[in-house]
PDB file of all heavy atoms in Angstrom:
ATOM      1  N   ASP A   1      -0.093 -55.985 -18.393  1.00  0.00           N
ATOM      2  CA  ASP A   1       0.161 -55.425 -19.716  1.00  0.00           C
ATOM      3  C   ASP A   1       0.655 -53.988 -19.675  1.00  0.00           C
ATOM      4  O   ASP A   1       1.314 -53.530 -20.615  1.00  0.00           O
ATOM      5  CB  ASP A   1      -1.125 -55.484 -20.546  1.00  0.00           C
ATOM      6  CG  ASP A   1      -1.616 -56.909 -20.731  1.00  0.00           C
ATOM      7  OD1 ASP A   1      -1.051 -57.614 -21.594  1.00  0.00           O
ATOM      8  OD2 ASP A   1      -2.534 -57.327 -20.005  1.00  0.00           O
ATOM      9  N   ARG A   2       0.333 -53.282 -18.589  1.00  0.00           N
ATOM     10  CA  ARG A   2       0.787 -51.892 -18.472  1.00  0.00           C
ATOM     11  C   ARG A   2       0.996 -51.559 -16.999  1.00  0.00           C
ATOM     12  O   ARG A   2       0.123 -51.819 -16.167  1.00  0.00           O
ATOM     13  CB  ARG A   2      -0.243 -50.939 -19.081  1.00  0.00           C
ATOM     14  CG  ARG A   2       0.113 -49.452 -18.929  1.00  0.00           C
ATOM     15  CD  ARG A   2      -0.996 -48.564 -19.491  1.00  0.00           C
ATOM     16  NE  ARG A   2      -0.771 -47.153 -19.151  1.00  0.00           N
ATOM     17  CZ  ARG A   2      -1.669 -46.179 -19.345  1.00  0.00           C
ATOM     18  NH1 ARG A   2      -2.832 -46.465 -19.908  1.00  0.00           N
ATOM     19  NH2 ARG A   2      -1.398 -44.934 -18.994  1.00  0.00           N
ATOM     20  N   VAL A   3       2.160 -51.014 -16.694  1.00  0.00           N
ATOM     21  CA  VAL A   3       2.453 -50.575 -15.332  1.00  0.00           C
ATOM     22  C   VAL A   3       2.179 -49.075 -15.247  1.00  0.00           C
ATOM     23  O   VAL A   3       2.710 -48.291 -16.042  1.00  0.00           O
ATOM     24  CB  VAL A   3       3.910 -50.881 -14.939  1.00  0.00           C
ATOM     25  CG1 VAL A   3       4.204 -50.359 -13.539  1.00  0.00           C
ATOM     26  CG2 VAL A   3       4.175 -52.382 -15.010  1.00  0.00           C
ATOM     27  N   LEU A   4       1.352 -48.697 -14.297  1.00  0.00           N
ATOM     28  CA  LEU A   4       0.920 -47.311 -14.161  1.00  0.00           C
ATOM     29  C   LEU A   4       1.753 -46.557 -13.129  1.00  0.00           C
ATOM     30  O   LEU A   4       2.336 -47.167 -12.221  1.00  0.00           O
ATOM     31  CB  LEU A   4      -0.545 -47.263 -13.735  1.00  0.00           C
ATOM     32  CG  LEU A   4      -1.542 -47.983 -14.649  1.00  0.00           C
ATOM     33  CD1 LEU A   4      -2.899 -48.068 -13.979  1.00  0.00           C
ATOM     34  CD2 LEU A   4      -1.651 -47.270 -15.995  1.00  0.00           C
ATOM     35  N   LYS A   5       1.768 -45.261 -13.261  1.00  0.00           N
ATOM     36  CA  LYS A   5       2.392 -44.381 -12.277  1.00  0.00           C
ATOM     37  C   LYS A   5       1.334 -43.431 -11.719  1.00  0.00           C
ATOM     38  O   LYS A   5       0.267 -43.236 -12.320  1.00  0.00           O
ATOM     39  CB  LYS A   5       3.540 -43.586 -12.920  1.00  0.00           C
ATOM     40  CG  LYS A   5       4.706 -44.452 -13.371  1.00  0.00           C
ATOM     41  CD  LYS A   5       5.835 -43.598 -13.945  1.00  0.00           C
ATOM     42  CE  LYS A   5       7.016 -44.455 -14.364  1.00  0.00           C
ATOM     43  NZ  LYS A   5       8.132 -43.643 -14.914  1.00  0.00           N
ATOM     44  N   HIS A   6       1.643 -42.854 -10.565  1.00  0.00           N
ATOM     45  CA  HIS A   6       0.742 -41.893  -9.935  1.00  0.00           C
ATOM     46  C   HIS A   6       0.342 -40.802 -10.925  1.00  0.00           C
ATOM     47  O   HIS A   6       1.204 -40.188 -11.568  1.00  0.00           O
ATOM     48  CB  HIS A   6       1.425 -41.271  -8.722  1.00  0.00           C
ATOM     49  CG  HIS A   6       0.670 -40.129  -8.105  1.00  0.00           C
ATOM     50  ND1 HIS A   6      -0.566 -40.281  -7.532  1.00  0.00           N
ATOM     51  CD2 HIS A   6       0.984 -38.807  -7.993  1.00  0.00           C
ATOM     52  CE1 HIS A   6      -0.989 -39.103  -7.076  1.00  0.00           C
ATOM     53  NE2 HIS A   6      -0.064 -38.209  -7.346  1.00  0.00           N
ATOM     54  N   GLY A   7      -0.956 -40.600 -11.082  1.00  0.00           N
ATOM     55  CA  GLY A   7      -1.449 -39.556 -11.975  1.00  0.00           C
ATOM     56  C   GLY A   7      -1.750 -40.015 -13.383  1.00  0.00           C
ATOM     57  O   GLY A   7      -2.312 -39.235 -14.170  1.00  0.00           O
ATOM     58  N   ASP A   8      -1.404 -41.255 -13.722  1.00  0.00           N
ATOM     59  CA  ASP A   8      -1.711 -41.753 -15.064  1.00  0.00           C
ATOM     60  C   ASP A   8      -3.219 -41.813 -15.284  1.00  0.00           C
ATOM     61  O   ASP A   8      -4.004 -41.953 -14.344  1.00  0.00           O
ATOM     62  CB  ASP A   8      -1.113 -43.147 -15.269  1.00  0.00           C
ATOM     63  CG  ASP A   8       0.354 -43.113 -15.662  1.00  0.00           C
ATOM     64  OD1 ASP A   8       0.884 -42.012 -15.873  1.00  0.00           O
ATOM     65  OD2 ASP A   8       0.976 -44.197 -15.734  1.00  0.00           O
ATOM     66  N   VAL A   9      -3.602 -41.728 -16.552  1.00  0.00           N
ATOM     67  CA  VAL A   9      -5.009 -41.779 -16.924  1.00  0.00           C
ATOM     68  C   VAL A   9      -5.236 -42.996 -17.814  1.00  0.00           C
ATOM     69  O   VAL A   9      -4.483 -43.237 -18.767  1.00  0.00           O
ATOM     70  CB  VAL A   9      -5.443 -40.499 -17.662  1.00  0.00           C
ATOM     71  CG1 VAL A   9      -6.899 -40.612 -18.121  1.00  0.00           C
ATOM     72  CG2 VAL A   9      -5.267 -39.281 -16.756  1.00  0.00           C
ATOM     73  N   VAL A  10      -6.264 -43.765 -17.495  1.00  0.00           N
ATOM     74  CA  VAL A  10      -6.677 -44.910 -18.305  1.00  0.00           C
ATOM     75  C   VAL A  10      -7.950 -44.507 -19.040  1.00  0.00           C
ATOM     76  O   VAL A  10      -8.946 -44.115 -18.414  1.00  0.00           O
ATOM     77  CB  VAL A  10      -6.938 -46.153 -17.420  1.00  0.00           C
ATOM     78  CG1 VAL A  10      -7.520 -47.284 -18.254  1.00  0.00           C
ATOM     79  CG2 VAL A  10      -5.650 -46.580 -16.726  1.00  0.00           C
ATOM     80  N   SER A  11      -7.914 -44.577 -20.366  1.00  0.00           N
ATOM     81  CA  SER A  11      -9.034 -44.086 -21.173  1.00  0.00           C
ATOM     82  C   SER A  11      -9.604 -45.184 -22.055  1.00  0.00           C
ATOM     83  O   SER A  11      -8.865 -46.008 -22.612  1.00  0.00           O
ATOM     84  CB  SER A  11      -8.572 -42.918 -22.061  1.00  0.00           C
ATOM     85  OG  SER A  11      -8.095 -41.846 -21.282  1.00  0.00           O
ATOM     86  N   LEU A  12     -10.920 -45.176 -22.176  1.00  0.00           N
ATOM     87  CA  LEU A  12     -11.604 -46.116 -23.064  1.00  0.00           C
ATOM     88  C   LEU A  12     -13.001 -45.568 -23.347  1.00  0.00           C
ATOM     89  O   LEU A  12     -13.744 -45.244 -22.417  1.00  0.00           O
ATOM     90  CB  LEU A  12     -11.713 -47.499 -22.422  1.00  0.00           C
ATOM     91  CG  LEU A  12     -12.419 -48.573 -23.269  1.00  0.00           C
ATOM     92  CD1 LEU A  12     -11.556 -48.958 -24.482  1.00  0.00           C
ATOM     93  CD2 LEU A  12     -12.726 -49.816 -22.435  1.00  0.00           C
ATOM     94  N   GLY A  13     -13.335 -45.459 -24.623  1.00  0.00           N
ATOM     95  CA  GLY A  13     -14.691 -45.094 -25.011  1.00  0.00           C
ATOM     96  C   GLY A  13     -15.221 -43.821 -24.386  1.00  0.00           C
ATOM     97  O   GLY A  13     -16.412 -43.732 -24.068  1.00  0.00           O
ATOM     98  N   GLY A  14     -14.361 -42.826 -24.212  1.00  0.00           N
ATOM     99  CA  GLY A  14     -14.792 -41.563 -23.649  1.00  0.00           C
ATOM    100  C   GLY A  14     -14.746 -41.501 -22.131  1.00  0.00           C
ATOM    101  O   GLY A  14     -14.997 -40.444 -21.539  1.00  0.00           O
ATOM    102  N   VAL A  15     -14.410 -42.610 -21.489  1.00  0.00           N
ATOM    103  CA  VAL A  15     -14.249 -42.633 -20.037  1.00  0.00           C
ATOM    104  C   VAL A  15     -12.774 -42.461 -19.705  1.00  0.00           C
ATOM    105  O   VAL A  15     -11.917 -43.160 -20.260  1.00  0.00           O
ATOM    106  CB  VAL A  15     -14.769 -43.965 -19.434  1.00  0.00           C
ATOM    107  CG1 VAL A  15     -14.383 -44.080 -17.964  1.00  0.00           C
ATOM    108  CG2 VAL A  15     -16.275 -44.059 -19.586  1.00  0.00           C
ATOM    109  N   ASN A  16     -12.479 -41.550 -18.807  1.00  0.00           N
ATOM    110  CA  ASN A  16     -11.112 -41.301 -18.365  1.00  0.00           C
ATOM    111  C   ASN A  16     -11.009 -41.544 -16.869  1.00  0.00           C
ATOM    112  O   ASN A  16     -11.647 -40.845 -16.077  1.00  0.00           O
ATOM    113  CB  ASN A  16     -10.700 -39.866 -18.691  1.00  0.00           C
ATOM    114  CG  ASN A  16     -10.735 -39.574 -20.175  1.00  0.00           C
ATOM    115  OD1 ASN A  16     -10.110 -40.269 -20.969  1.00  0.00           O
ATOM    116  ND2 ASN A  16     -11.477 -38.553 -20.559  1.00  0.00           N
ATOM    117  N   LEU A  17     -10.210 -42.530 -16.488  1.00  0.00           N
ATOM    118  CA  LEU A  17      -9.999 -42.877 -15.087  1.00  0.00           C
ATOM    119  C   LEU A  17      -8.609 -42.414 -14.671  1.00  0.00           C
ATOM    120  O   LEU A  17      -7.608 -42.844 -15.235  1.00  0.00           O
ATOM    121  CB  LEU A  17     -10.098 -44.393 -14.892  1.00  0.00           C
ATOM    122  CG  LEU A  17     -11.504 -44.992 -14.833  1.00  0.00           C
ATOM    123  CD1 LEU A  17     -11.453 -46.468 -15.199  1.00  0.00           C
ATOM    124  CD2 LEU A  17     -12.098 -44.821 -13.455  1.00  0.00           C
ATOM    125  N   THR A  18      -8.547 -41.543 -13.677  1.00  0.00           N
ATOM    126  CA  THR A  18      -7.269 -41.052 -13.176  1.00  0.00           C
ATOM    127  C   THR A  18      -6.835 -41.892 -11.989  1.00  0.00           C
ATOM    128  O   THR A  18      -7.618 -42.135 -11.056  1.00  0.00           O
ATOM    129  CB  THR A  18      -7.375 -39.582 -12.744  1.00  0.00           C
ATOM    130  OG1 THR A  18      -7.763 -38.797 -13.882  1.00  0.00           O
ATOM    131  CG2 THR A  18      -6.036 -39.072 -12.222  1.00  0.00           C
ATOM    132  N   ALA A  19      -5.588 -42.352 -12.027  1.00  0.00           N
ATOM    133  CA  ALA A  19      -5.045 -43.226 -10.982  1.00  0.00           C
ATOM    134  C   ALA A  19      -4.259 -42.407  -9.964  1.00  0.00           C
ATOM    135  O   ALA A  19      -3.254 -41.787 -10.307  1.00  0.00           O
ATOM    136  CB  ALA A  19      -4.150 -44.291 -11.604  1.00  0.00           C
ATOM    137  N   THR A  20      -4.720 -42.411  -8.724  1.00  0.00           N
ATOM    138  CA  THR A  20      -4.001 -41.769  -7.627  1.00  0.00           C
ATOM    139  C   THR A  20      -3.367 -42.852  -6.769  1.00  0.00           C
ATOM    140  O   THR A  20      -4.070 -43.679  -6.194  1.00  0.00           O
ATOM    141  CB  THR A  20      -4.951 -40.916  -6.764  1.00  0.00           C
ATOM    142  OG1 THR A  20      -5.542 -39.897  -7.569  1.00  0.00           O
ATOM    143  CG2 THR A  20      -4.200 -40.279  -5.606  1.00  0.00           C
ATOM    144  N   GLN A  21      -2.038 -42.870  -6.716  1.00  0.00           N
ATOM    145  CA  GLN A  21      -1.335 -43.870  -5.907  1.00  0.00           C
ATOM    146  C   GLN A  21      -1.350 -43.416  -4.445  1.00  0.00           C
ATOM    147  O   GLN A  21      -0.895 -42.332  -4.109  1.00  0.00           O
ATOM    148  CB  GLN A  21       0.103 -44.041  -6.384  1.00  0.00           C
ATOM    149  CG  GLN A  21       0.853 -45.155  -5.646  1.00  0.00           C
ATOM    150  CD  GLN A  21       2.276 -45.335  -6.161  1.00  0.00           C
ATOM    151  OE1 GLN A  21       2.793 -44.496  -6.892  1.00  0.00           O
ATOM    152  NE2 GLN A  21       2.908 -46.429  -5.790  1.00  0.00           N
ATOM    153  N   VAL A  22      -1.874 -44.292  -3.588  1.00  0.00           N
ATOM    154  CA  VAL A  22      -2.016 -43.987  -2.163  1.00  0.00           C
ATOM    155  C   VAL A  22      -1.334 -45.096  -1.368  1.00  0.00           C
ATOM    156  O   VAL A  22      -1.966 -46.057  -0.934  1.00  0.00           O
ATOM    157  CB  VAL A  22      -3.507 -43.868  -1.775  1.00  0.00           C
ATOM    158  CG1 VAL A  22      -3.656 -43.507  -0.302  1.00  0.00           C
ATOM    159  CG2 VAL A  22      -4.210 -42.824  -2.651  1.00  0.00           C
ATOM    160  N   PRO A  23      -0.029 -45.012  -1.178  1.00  0.00           N
ATOM    161  CA  PRO A  23       0.687 -46.097  -0.490  1.00  0.00           C
ATOM    162  C   PRO A  23       0.301 -46.185   0.986  1.00  0.00           C
ATOM    163  O   PRO A  23      -0.216 -45.240   1.569  1.00  0.00           O
ATOM    164  CB  PRO A  23       2.155 -45.688  -0.649  1.00  0.00           C
ATOM    165  CG  PRO A  23       2.121 -44.202  -0.817  1.00  0.00           C
ATOM    166  CD  PRO A  23       0.865 -43.900  -1.557  1.00  0.00           C
ATOM    167  N   GLY A  24       0.581 -47.365   1.546  1.00  0.00           N
ATOM    168  CA  GLY A  24       0.296 -47.606   2.959  1.00  0.00           C
ATOM    169  C   GLY A  24      -0.433 -48.919   3.132  1.00  0.00           C
ATOM    170  O   GLY A  24       0.069 -49.847   3.763  1.00  0.00           O
ATOM    171  N   HIS A  25      -1.618 -49.011   2.558  1.00  0.00           N
ATOM    172  CA  HIS A  25      -2.375 -50.265   2.616  1.00  0.00           C
ATOM    173  C   HIS A  25      -1.636 -51.333   1.818  1.00  0.00           C
ATOM    174  O   HIS A  25      -1.397 -52.438   2.293  1.00  0.00           O
ATOM    175  CB  HIS A  25      -3.775 -50.029   2.070  1.00  0.00           C
ATOM    176  CG  HIS A  25      -4.761 -51.094   2.413  1.00  0.00           C
ATOM    177  ND1 HIS A  25      -5.056 -51.466   3.705  1.00  0.00           N
ATOM    178  CD2 HIS A  25      -5.538 -51.881   1.617  1.00  0.00           C
ATOM    179  CE1 HIS A  25      -5.962 -52.425   3.695  1.00  0.00           C
ATOM    180  NE2 HIS A  25      -6.261 -52.702   2.442  1.00  0.00           N
ATOM    181  N   THR A  26      -1.308 -50.990   0.595  1.00  0.00           N
ATOM    182  CA  THR A  26      -0.335 -51.722  -0.228  1.00  0.00           C
ATOM    183  C   THR A  26       0.534 -50.655  -0.891  1.00  0.00           C
ATOM    184  O   THR A  26       0.135 -49.490  -0.982  1.00  0.00           O
ATOM    185  CB  THR A  26      -0.998 -52.591  -1.326  1.00  0.00           C
ATOM    186  OG1 THR A  26      -1.621 -51.729  -2.295  1.00  0.00           O
ATOM    187  CG2 THR A  26      -2.025 -53.541  -0.739  1.00  0.00           C
TER     188      THR A  26
END
């Protein structure tokens, strides 16, 4: 439903999850 980029933030109900893309493993 949503494609994320390095540094994007996913927020819900006061929780903020920051996505760090770390290539190599996948």
